Amino acid sequence: MTIACSVYIVSLNSAPWLKALLESVHDFAEVIILDSGSTDATYEIAQQFNNVTIQHQDWLGYAAQKAKALSLCRQPWALNLDGDEKLSAALRDEIQGVIARNEIDGLITPILDSFMGKVANTYTKQHAKVRFFRREKGSYDTAIEAHEKVQVDGIVQPAQGVIYHYGLTDISVKVDKNNRYSDLKAKEKNAKGKRPSLLKLVLVMPLVFFKSYVLRRDFLNGQRGFISSMINAFYAFLKEAKLYEYHLKNISADSKVLDHKPDTQD
């Protein structure tokens, strides 16, 4: 039975995970892949599936790229997956039930990370996002630089099924991603006029580590959980440190403007 739902995916060199991803959504009415310049086998893999359409779009930013992919969807319902994720069978069945009952407008879906070769034993609210929704009621705020999410104008409920995320293959990948994202978040904060805080610089690492390892129960993931929580804490520190760096640059730019004296004529 074909599921009357569009799946939209933004991708870049997603070949290691793409076949498993597309097999998990093979019974959806359409799958739209918006690729930003893959040089691996992404296109070859996508073309093996009859319900998949893939096309190129230069990178617009996280939210804008997903908004563009969503605009290409034609089914009344939409499901967003990243190129390094996979839909669980339980969530697929749950989506079918929501469509059949037609009572709500979306599901808040848990996302389980695979880190250092093992899928996490637990997830938190921060790892649960609206990924499935009634297409006409979902939209993105394209001003958000990172950690984009779809906004649904309607009723959403927690899902029981999960999405598996496989892209955080090792420590270097997670650190590189956090470095890129901290650039974007600091830029976003600076643009909104937020100022750095010495107190945050001092306290943010231990507080975020405690939140990640204890309150969000990453301790259940053993040594991997400890390492992941430490990286999460450093990511939080990087955002504050880079905001402080922006602050110094702003002061320097203002000083140059004040020091500049226009030429005068006698």
C-alpha atoms as a PDB file:
ATOM      1  CA  MET A   1       0.000   0.000   0.000  1.00  0.00           C
ATOM      2  CA  THR A   2       1.377   3.382  -1.028  1.00  0.00           C
ATOM      3  CA  ILE A   3       1.571   5.961   1.755  1.00  0.00           C
ATOM      4  CA  ALA A   4       0.134   9.327   0.641  1.00  0.00           C
ATOM      5  CA  CYS A   5       3.067  11.299   1.959  1.00  0.00           C
ATOM      6  CA  SER A   6       6.049  13.099   0.425  1.00  0.00           C
ATOM      7  CA  VAL A   7       9.495  12.450   1.877  1.00  0.00           C
ATOM      8  CA  TYR A   8      11.961  15.294   1.374  1.00  0.00           C
ATOM      9  CA  ILE A   9      15.686  14.987   1.940  1.00  0.00           C
ATOM     10  CA  VAL A  10      18.585  17.409   1.640  1.00  0.00           C
ATOM     11  CA  SER A  11      21.813  15.633   0.841  1.00  0.00           C
ATOM     12  CA  LEU A  12      25.524  16.039   0.248  1.00  0.00           C
ATOM     13  CA  ASN A  13      27.664  12.931  -0.238  1.00  0.00           C
ATOM     14  CA  SER A  14      25.121  10.736   1.536  1.00  0.00           C
ATOM     15  CA  ALA A  15      26.030   7.517  -0.273  1.00  0.00           C
ATOM     16  CA  PRO A  16      27.107   5.567   2.831  1.00  0.00           C
ATOM     17  CA  TRP A  17      23.582   5.740   4.293  1.00  0.00           C
ATOM     18  CA  LEU A  18      21.330   6.526   1.335  1.00  0.00           C
ATOM     19  CA  LYS A  19      20.361   3.016   0.226  1.00  0.00           C
ATOM     20  CA  ALA A  20      19.172   2.059   3.719  1.00  0.00           C
ATOM     21  CA  LEU A  21      17.315   5.358   3.988  1.00  0.00           C
ATOM     22  CA  LEU A  22      15.510   4.965   0.665  1.00  0.00           C
ATOM     23  CA  GLU A  23      14.633   1.346   1.400  1.00  0.00           C
ATOM     24  CA  SER A  24      12.978   2.515   4.627  1.00  0.00           C
ATOM     25  CA  VAL A  25      10.656   4.843   2.635  1.00  0.00           C
ATOM     26  CA  HIS A  26      10.162   2.743  -0.503  1.00  0.00           C
ATOM     27  CA  ASP A  27       6.377   2.600   0.010  1.00  0.00           C
ATOM     28  CA  PHE A  28       5.882   6.378   0.269  1.00  0.00           C
ATOM     29  CA  ALA A  29       4.219   8.107  -2.688  1.00  0.00           C
ATOM     30  CA  GLU A  30       7.244  10.254  -3.529  1.00  0.00           C
ATOM     31  CA  VAL A  31      10.730  10.991  -2.266  1.00  0.00           C
ATOM     32  CA  ILE A  32      12.332  14.328  -3.140  1.00  0.00           C
ATOM     33  CA  ILE A  33      16.113  14.615  -2.750  1.00  0.00           C
ATOM     34  CA  LEU A  34      17.600  18.097  -3.003  1.00  0.00           C
ATOM     35  CA  ASP A  35      21.333  17.649  -3.404  1.00  0.00           C
ATOM     36  CA  SER A  36      23.886  20.429  -2.997  1.00  0.00           C
ATOM     37  CA  GLY A  37      26.749  18.949  -4.982  1.00  0.00           C
ATOM     38  CA  SER A  38      27.512  15.320  -4.160  1.00  0.00           C
ATOM     39  CA  THR A  39      30.627  13.801  -5.708  1.00  0.00           C
ATOM     40  CA  ASP A  40      30.042  10.254  -4.425  1.00  0.00           C
ATOM     41  CA  ALA A  41      27.451   7.680  -5.540  1.00  0.00           C
ATOM     42  CA  THR A  42      24.447   9.610  -4.196  1.00  0.00           C
ATOM     43  CA  TYR A  43      22.881  10.129  -7.644  1.00  0.00           C
ATOM     44  CA  GLU A  44      23.483   6.540  -8.755  1.00  0.00           C
ATOM     45  CA  ILE A  45      21.834   5.151  -5.616  1.00  0.00           C
ATOM     46  CA  ALA A  46      18.859   7.537  -5.843  1.00  0.00           C
ATOM     47  CA  GLN A  47      18.165   6.517  -9.425  1.00  0.00           C
ATOM     48  CA  GLN A  48      17.682   2.884  -8.361  1.00  0.00           C
ATOM     49  CA  PHE A  49      14.362   3.715  -6.666  1.00  0.00           C
ATOM     50  CA  ASN A  50      11.199   4.347  -8.681  1.00  0.00           C
ATOM     51  CA  ASN A  51       9.614   6.748  -6.185  1.00  0.00           C
ATOM     52  CA  VAL A  52      12.701   8.985  -5.916  1.00  0.00           C
ATOM     53  CA  THR A  53      13.401  12.281  -7.706  1.00  0.00           C
ATOM     54  CA  ILE A  54      16.775  13.936  -7.211  1.00  0.00           C
ATOM     55  CA  GLN A  55      17.857  17.379  -8.335  1.00  0.00           C
ATOM     56  CA  HIS A  56      20.628  19.862  -7.626  1.00  0.00           C
ATOM     57  CA  GLN A  57      20.366  23.045  -5.611  1.00  0.00           C
ATOM     58  CA  ASP A  58      23.359  25.133  -4.549  1.00  0.00           C
ATOM     59  CA  TRP A  59      23.499  25.353  -0.765  1.00  0.00           C
ATOM     60  CA  LEU A  60      21.089  27.986   0.583  1.00  0.00           C
ATOM     61  CA  GLY A  61      21.576  27.393   4.308  1.00  0.00           C
ATOM     62  CA  TYR A  62      20.039  24.712   6.513  1.00  0.00           C
ATOM     63  CA  ALA A  63      16.532  26.155   6.869  1.00  0.00           C
ATOM     64  CA  ALA A  64      16.316  27.622   3.361  1.00  0.00           C
ATOM     65  CA  GLN A  65      17.481  24.363   1.751  1.00  0.00           C
ATOM     66  CA  LYS A  66      14.812  22.384   3.570  1.00  0.00           C
ATOM     67  CA  ALA A  67      12.172  25.005   2.772  1.00  0.00           C
ATOM     68  CA  LYS A  68      13.071  24.649  -0.906  1.00  0.00           C
ATOM     69  CA  ALA A  69      12.820  20.853  -0.726  1.00  0.00           C
ATOM     70  CA  LEU A  70       9.457  21.097   1.038  1.00  0.00           C
ATOM     71  CA  SER A  71       8.157  23.386  -1.714  1.00  0.00           C
ATOM     72  CA  LEU A  72       8.737  20.580  -4.240  1.00  0.00           C
ATOM     73  CA  CYS A  73       6.472  18.139  -2.400  1.00  0.00           C
ATOM     74  CA  ARG A  74       3.031  17.348  -3.828  1.00  0.00           C
ATOM     75  CA  GLN A  75       1.399  14.981  -1.327  1.00  0.00           C
ATOM     76  CA  PRO A  76      -0.917  16.242   1.465  1.00  0.00           C
ATOM     77  CA  TRP A  77       1.528  15.021   4.133  1.00  0.00           C
ATOM     78  CA  ALA A  78       5.297  15.495   4.365  1.00  0.00           C
ATOM     79  CA  LEU A  79       8.124  13.694   6.152  1.00  0.00           C
ATOM     80  CA  ASN A  80      11.606  15.191   6.505  1.00  0.00           C
ATOM     81  CA  LEU A  81      14.642  12.951   6.755  1.00  0.00           C
ATOM     82  CA  ASP A  82      18.317  13.849   6.474  1.00  0.00           C
ATOM     83  CA  GLY A  83      20.630  11.974   4.144  1.00  0.00           C
ATOM     84  CA  ASP A  84      22.259  10.114   7.041  1.00  0.00           C
ATOM     85  CA  GLU A  85      19.031   8.944   8.700  1.00  0.00           C
ATOM     86  CA  LYS A  86      16.617   6.026   8.416  1.00  0.00           C
ATOM     87  CA  LEU A  87      12.925   5.653   9.214  1.00  0.00           C
ATOM     88  CA  SER A  88      12.040   2.890  11.672  1.00  0.00           C
ATOM     89  CA  ALA A  89       9.313   0.429  10.722  1.00  0.00           C
ATOM     90  CA  ALA A  90       7.384   1.408  13.860  1.00  0.00           C
ATOM     91  CA  LEU A  91       7.304   5.069  12.871  1.00  0.00           C
ATOM     92  CA  ARG A  92       6.299   4.195   9.313  1.00  0.00           C
ATOM     93  CA  ASP A  93       3.293   2.277  10.644  1.00  0.00           C
ATOM     94  CA  GLU A  94       2.490   5.129  13.021  1.00  0.00           C
ATOM     95  CA  ILE A  95       2.530   7.608  10.138  1.00  0.00           C
ATOM     96  CA  GLN A  96       0.105   5.422   8.202  1.00  0.00           C
ATOM     97  CA  GLY A  97      -2.238   5.435  11.182  1.00  0.00           C
ATOM     98  CA  VAL A  98      -2.110   9.219  11.569  1.00  0.00           C
ATOM     99  CA  ILE A  99      -2.917   9.713   7.887  1.00  0.00           C
ATOM    100  CA  ALA A 100      -5.816   7.247   8.060  1.00  0.00           C
ATOM    101  CA  ARG A 101      -7.351   8.851  11.164  1.00  0.00           C
ATOM    102  CA  ASN A 102      -6.714  12.420   9.930  1.00  0.00           C
ATOM    103  CA  GLU A 103      -7.151  13.915  13.419  1.00  0.00           C
ATOM    104  CA  ILE A 104      -3.845  15.725  14.083  1.00  0.00           C
ATOM    105  CA  ASP A 105      -1.369  17.767  12.046  1.00  0.00           C
ATOM    106  CA  GLY A 106       2.009  16.305  12.936  1.00  0.00           C
ATOM    107  CA  LEU A 107       4.227  14.074  15.055  1.00  0.00           C
ATOM    108  CA  ILE A 108       7.131  15.036  17.311  1.00  0.00           C
ATOM    109  CA  THR A 109       9.590  12.321  16.466  1.00  0.00           C
ATOM    110  CA  PRO A 110      12.415  10.950  18.647  1.00  0.00           C
ATOM    111  CA  ILE A 111      15.805  10.818  16.929  1.00  0.00           C
ATOM    112  CA  LEU A 112      18.313   8.225  18.114  1.00  0.00           C
ATOM    113  CA  ASP A 113      21.963   8.955  17.328  1.00  0.00           C
ATOM    114  CA  SER A 114      24.487   6.313  16.436  1.00  0.00           C
ATOM    115  CA  PHE A 115      27.815   7.507  17.852  1.00  0.00           C
ATOM    116  CA  MET A 116      31.123   5.652  17.777  1.00  0.00           C
ATOM    117  CA  GLY A 117      29.492   2.566  16.279  1.00  0.00           C
ATOM    118  CA  LYS A 118      26.495   2.155  18.596  1.00  0.00           C
ATOM    119  CA  VAL A 119      22.949   3.513  18.671  1.00  0.00           C
ATOM    120  CA  ALA A 120      22.133   5.497  21.817  1.00  0.00           C
ATOM    121  CA  ASN A 121      20.001   3.824  24.485  1.00  0.00           C
ATOM    122  CA  THR A 122      18.040   6.983  25.193  1.00  0.00           C
ATOM    123  CA  TYR A 123      17.017  10.308  23.693  1.00  0.00           C
ATOM    124  CA  THR A 124      15.869  13.657  25.069  1.00  0.00           C
ATOM    125  CA  LYS A 125      13.320  16.287  24.131  1.00  0.00           C
ATOM    126  CA  GLN A 126      16.152  18.078  22.321  1.00  0.00           C
ATOM    127  CA  HIS A 127      16.430  14.978  20.133  1.00  0.00           C
ATOM    128  CA  ALA A 128      12.726  14.938  19.315  1.00  0.00           C
ATOM    129  CA  LYS A 129      11.515  17.187  16.515  1.00  0.00           C
ATOM    130  CA  VAL A 130       8.511  17.573  14.248  1.00  0.00           C
ATOM    131  CA  ARG A 131       9.503  15.652  11.150  1.00  0.00           C
ATOM    132  CA  PHE A 132       6.105  14.443   9.913  1.00  0.00           C
ATOM    133  CA  PHE A 133       3.281  16.920   9.350  1.00  0.00           C
ATOM    134  CA  ARG A 134       0.398  18.084   7.197  1.00  0.00           C
ATOM    135  CA  ARG A 135       2.250  19.779   4.354  1.00  0.00           C
ATOM    136  CA  GLU A 136       0.105  22.915   4.088  1.00  0.00           C
ATOM    137  CA  LYS A 137       0.584  23.640   7.803  1.00  0.00           C
ATOM    138  CA  GLY A 138       4.373  23.350   7.964  1.00  0.00           C
ATOM    139  CA  SER A 139       6.996  26.032   7.308  1.00  0.00           C
ATOM    140  CA  TYR A 140      10.593  27.030   8.150  1.00  0.00           C
ATOM    141  CA  ASP A 141      12.018  30.230   9.566  1.00  0.00           C
ATOM    142  CA  THR A 142      14.813  30.794   7.056  1.00  0.00           C
ATOM    143  CA  ALA A 143      16.493  33.369   9.318  1.00  0.00           C
ATOM    144  CA  ILE A 144      17.645  30.555  11.612  1.00  0.00           C
ATOM    145  CA  GLU A 145      21.276  29.733  10.821  1.00  0.00           C
ATOM    146  CA  ALA A 146      21.450  26.267  12.434  1.00  0.00           C
ATOM    147  CA  HIS A 147      19.295  23.717  14.270  1.00  0.00           C
ATOM    148  CA  GLU A 148      16.453  24.536  11.925  1.00  0.00           C
ATOM    149  CA  LYS A 149      13.034  23.037  12.605  1.00  0.00           C
ATOM    150  CA  VAL A 150       9.685  23.008  10.905  1.00  0.00           C
ATOM    151  CA  GLN A 151       6.930  25.068  12.508  1.00  0.00           C
ATOM    152  CA  VAL A 152       3.475  23.480  12.380  1.00  0.00           C
ATOM    153  CA  ASP A 153       0.331  25.558  12.685  1.00  0.00           C
ATOM    154  CA  GLY A 154      -1.821  22.861  14.207  1.00  0.00           C
ATOM    155  CA  ILE A 155      -1.989  19.925  16.607  1.00  0.00           C
ATOM    156  CA  VAL A 156       1.157  17.843  17.071  1.00  0.00           C
ATOM    157  CA  GLN A 157       1.648  14.816  19.298  1.00  0.00           C
ATOM    158  CA  PRO A 158       4.662  12.758  20.422  1.00  0.00           C
ATOM    159  CA  ALA A 159       5.477   9.746  18.271  1.00  0.00           C
ATOM    160  CA  GLN A 160       6.404   6.337  19.637  1.00  0.00           C
ATOM    161  CA  GLY A 161       8.482   5.253  16.642  1.00  0.00           C
ATOM    162  CA  VAL A 162      11.936   6.720  16.011  1.00  0.00           C
ATOM    163  CA  ILE A 163      14.268   8.019  13.341  1.00  0.00           C
ATOM    164  CA  TYR A 164      17.797   6.600  13.400  1.00  0.00           C
ATOM    165  CA  HIS A 165      20.665   9.026  12.778  1.00  0.00           C
ATOM    166  CA  TYR A 166      23.939   7.474  11.580  1.00  0.00           C
ATOM    167  CA  GLY A 167      26.011  10.479  10.462  1.00  0.00           C
ATOM    168  CA  LEU A 168      27.983  10.967  13.696  1.00  0.00           C
ATOM    169  CA  THR A 169      30.317   8.121  12.841  1.00  0.00           C
ATOM    170  CA  ASP A 170      33.202   9.166  15.082  1.00  0.00           C
ATOM    171  CA  ILE A 171      34.526  11.896  17.349  1.00  0.00           C
ATOM    172  CA  SER A 172      36.109  13.965  14.583  1.00  0.00           C
ATOM    173  CA  VAL A 173      32.837  14.124  12.635  1.00  0.00           C
ATOM    174  CA  LYS A 174      30.908  15.278  15.712  1.00  0.00           C
ATOM    175  CA  VAL A 175      33.563  17.877  16.584  1.00  0.00           C
ATOM    176  CA  ASP A 176      33.722  19.189  13.005  1.00  0.00           C
ATOM    177  CA  LYS A 177      29.921  19.507  12.906  1.00  0.00           C
ATOM    178  CA  ASN A 178      29.860  21.343  16.225  1.00  0.00           C
ATOM    179  CA  ASN A 179      32.565  23.711  15.023  1.00  0.00           C
ATOM    180  CA  ARG A 180      30.499  24.621  11.938  1.00  0.00           C
ATOM    181  CA  TYR A 181      27.276  24.955  13.904  1.00  0.00           C
ATOM    182  CA  SER A 182      28.877  27.104  16.600  1.00  0.00           C
ATOM    183  CA  ASP A 183      30.017  29.503  13.861  1.00  0.00           C
ATOM    184  CA  LEU A 184      26.441  29.813  12.630  1.00  0.00           C
ATOM    185  CA  LYS A 185      24.846  30.140  16.074  1.00  0.00           C
ATOM    186  CA  ALA A 186      27.343  32.805  17.189  1.00  0.00           C
ATOM    187  CA  LYS A 187      26.699  34.723  13.979  1.00  0.00           C
ATOM    188  CA  GLU A 188      22.959  34.452  14.556  1.00  0.00           C
ATOM    189  CA  LYS A 189      23.236  35.666  18.161  1.00  0.00           C
ATOM    190  CA  ASN A 190      25.463  38.564  17.144  1.00  0.00           C
ATOM    191  CA  ALA A 191      23.010  39.613  14.431  1.00  0.00           C
ATOM    192  CA  LYS A 192      20.258  39.698  17.070  1.00  0.00           C
ATOM    193  CA  GLY A 193      22.357  42.030  19.228  1.00  0.00           C
ATOM    194  CA  LYS A 194      23.079  39.508  21.986  1.00  0.00           C
ATOM    195  CA  ARG A 195      26.136  40.303  24.108  1.00  0.00           C
ATOM    196  CA  PRO A 196      28.646  37.835  25.565  1.00  0.00           C
ATOM    197  CA  SER A 197      28.704  37.064  29.258  1.00  0.00           C
ATOM    198  CA  LEU A 198      31.780  36.239  31.331  1.00  0.00           C
ATOM    199  CA  LEU A 199      29.579  34.229  33.678  1.00  0.00           C
ATOM    200  CA  LYS A 200      28.353  32.081  30.778  1.00  0.00           C
ATOM    201  CA  LEU A 201      31.891  31.563  29.523  1.00  0.00           C
ATOM    202  CA  VAL A 202      32.898  30.251  32.942  1.00  0.00           C
ATOM    203  CA  LEU A 203      29.835  28.159  33.759  1.00  0.00           C
ATOM    204  CA  VAL A 204      28.458  26.937  30.438  1.00  0.00           C
ATOM    205  CA  MET A 205      30.720  23.884  30.082  1.00  0.00           C
ATOM    206  CA  PRO A 206      30.079  22.274  33.500  1.00  0.00           C
ATOM    207  CA  LEU A 207      26.380  23.100  33.380  1.00  0.00           C
ATOM    208  CA  VAL A 208      25.843  21.670  29.899  1.00  0.00           C
ATOM    209  CA  PHE A 209      27.894  18.586  30.753  1.00  0.00           C
ATOM    210  CA  PHE A 210      25.711  17.977  33.827  1.00  0.00           C
ATOM    211  CA  LYS A 211      22.559  18.522  31.774  1.00  0.00           C
ATOM    212  CA  SER A 212      23.709  16.169  29.002  1.00  0.00           C
ATOM    213  CA  TYR A 213      25.269  13.418  31.114  1.00  0.00           C
ATOM    214  CA  VAL A 214      22.898  13.370  34.094  1.00  0.00           C
ATOM    215  CA  LEU A 215      19.590  15.090  33.321  1.00  0.00           C
ATOM    216  CA  ARG A 216      19.435  13.835  29.738  1.00  0.00           C
ATOM    217  CA  ARG A 217      20.689  10.427  30.888  1.00  0.00           C
ATOM    218  CA  ASP A 218      23.649  10.117  28.550  1.00  0.00           C
ATOM    219  CA  PHE A 219      25.291   8.106  31.338  1.00  0.00           C
ATOM    220  CA  LEU A 220      23.132   5.215  30.126  1.00  0.00           C
ATOM    221  CA  ASN A 221      25.326   5.118  27.011  1.00  0.00           C
ATOM    222  CA  GLY A 222      28.477   4.305  28.969  1.00  0.00           C
ATOM    223  CA  GLN A 223      31.827   5.701  27.880  1.00  0.00           C
ATOM    224  CA  ARG A 224      30.309   6.869  24.603  1.00  0.00           C
ATOM    225  CA  GLY A 225      27.815   8.904  26.582  1.00  0.00           C
ATOM    226  CA  PHE A 226      30.571  10.501  28.655  1.00  0.00           C
ATOM    227  CA  ILE A 227      32.540  11.461  25.532  1.00  0.00           C
ATOM    228  CA  SER A 228      29.429  12.758  23.783  1.00  0.00           C
ATOM    229  CA  SER A 229      28.470  14.870  26.808  1.00  0.00           C
ATOM    230  CA  MET A 230      31.952  16.376  26.986  1.00  0.00           C
ATOM    231  CA  ILE A 231      31.750  17.320  23.302  1.00  0.00           C
ATOM    232  CA  ASN A 232      28.279  18.787  23.842  1.00  0.00           C
ATOM    233  CA  ALA A 233      29.653  20.892  26.689  1.00  0.00           C
ATOM    234  CA  PHE A 234      32.520  22.164  24.552  1.00  0.00           C
ATOM    235  CA  TYR A 235      30.048  23.001  21.773  1.00  0.00           C
ATOM    236  CA  ALA A 236      28.103  25.181  24.208  1.00  0.00           C
ATOM    237  CA  PHE A 237      31.363  26.874  25.230  1.00  0.00           C
ATOM    238  CA  LEU A 238      32.330  27.478  21.598  1.00  0.00           C
ATOM    239  CA  LYS A 239      29.063  29.308  20.917  1.00  0.00           C
ATOM    240  CA  GLU A 240      29.714  31.692  23.806  1.00  0.00           C
ATOM    241  CA  ALA A 241      33.413  32.112  22.989  1.00  0.00           C
ATOM    242  CA  LYS A 242      32.685  32.903  19.343  1.00  0.00           C
ATOM    243  CA  LEU A 243      30.007  35.391  20.380  1.00  0.00           C
ATOM    244  CA  TYR A 244      32.665  37.089  22.516  1.00  0.00           C
ATOM    245  CA  GLU A 245      34.962  37.111  19.486  1.00  0.00           C
ATOM    246  CA  TYR A 246      32.240  38.844  17.460  1.00  0.00           C
ATOM    247  CA  HIS A 247      31.920  41.374  20.288  1.00  0.00           C
ATOM    248  CA  LEU A 248      35.626  42.205  20.068  1.00  0.00           C
ATOM    249  CA  LYS A 249      35.367  42.613  16.300  1.00  0.00           C
ATOM    250  CA  ASN A 250      32.369  44.919  16.715  1.00  0.00           C
ATOM    251  CA  ILE A 251      34.293  47.085  19.178  1.00  0.00           C
ATOM    252  CA  SER A 252      37.270  47.239  16.824  1.00  0.00           C
ATOM    253  CA  ALA A 253      35.050  48.218  13.886  1.00  0.00           C
ATOM    254  CA  ASP A 254      33.331  50.933  15.942  1.00  0.00           C
ATOM    255  CA  SER A 255      36.701  52.313  17.043  1.00  0.00           C
ATOM    256  CA  LYS A 256      37.888  52.582  13.470  1.00  0.00           C
ATOM    257  CA  VAL A 257      34.761  54.528  12.536  1.00  0.00           C
ATOM    258  CA  LEU A 258      35.245  56.923  15.453  1.00  0.00           C
ATOM    259  CA  ASP A 259      38.935  57.384  14.680  1.00  0.00           C
ATOM    260  CA  HIS A 260      38.276  58.221  11.056  1.00  0.00           C
ATOM    261  CA  LYS A 261      38.308  61.949  10.391  1.00  0.00           C
ATOM    262  CA  PRO A 262      36.971  63.180   7.062  1.00  0.00           C
ATOM    263  CA  ASP A 263      39.202  65.376   4.934  1.00  0.00           C
ATOM    264  CA  THR A 264      38.377  69.072   5.102  1.00  0.00           C
ATOM    265  CA  GLN A 265      38.971  71.780   2.607  1.00  0.00           C
ATOM    266  CA  ASP A 266      40.085  75.324   3.428  1.00  0.00           C
END
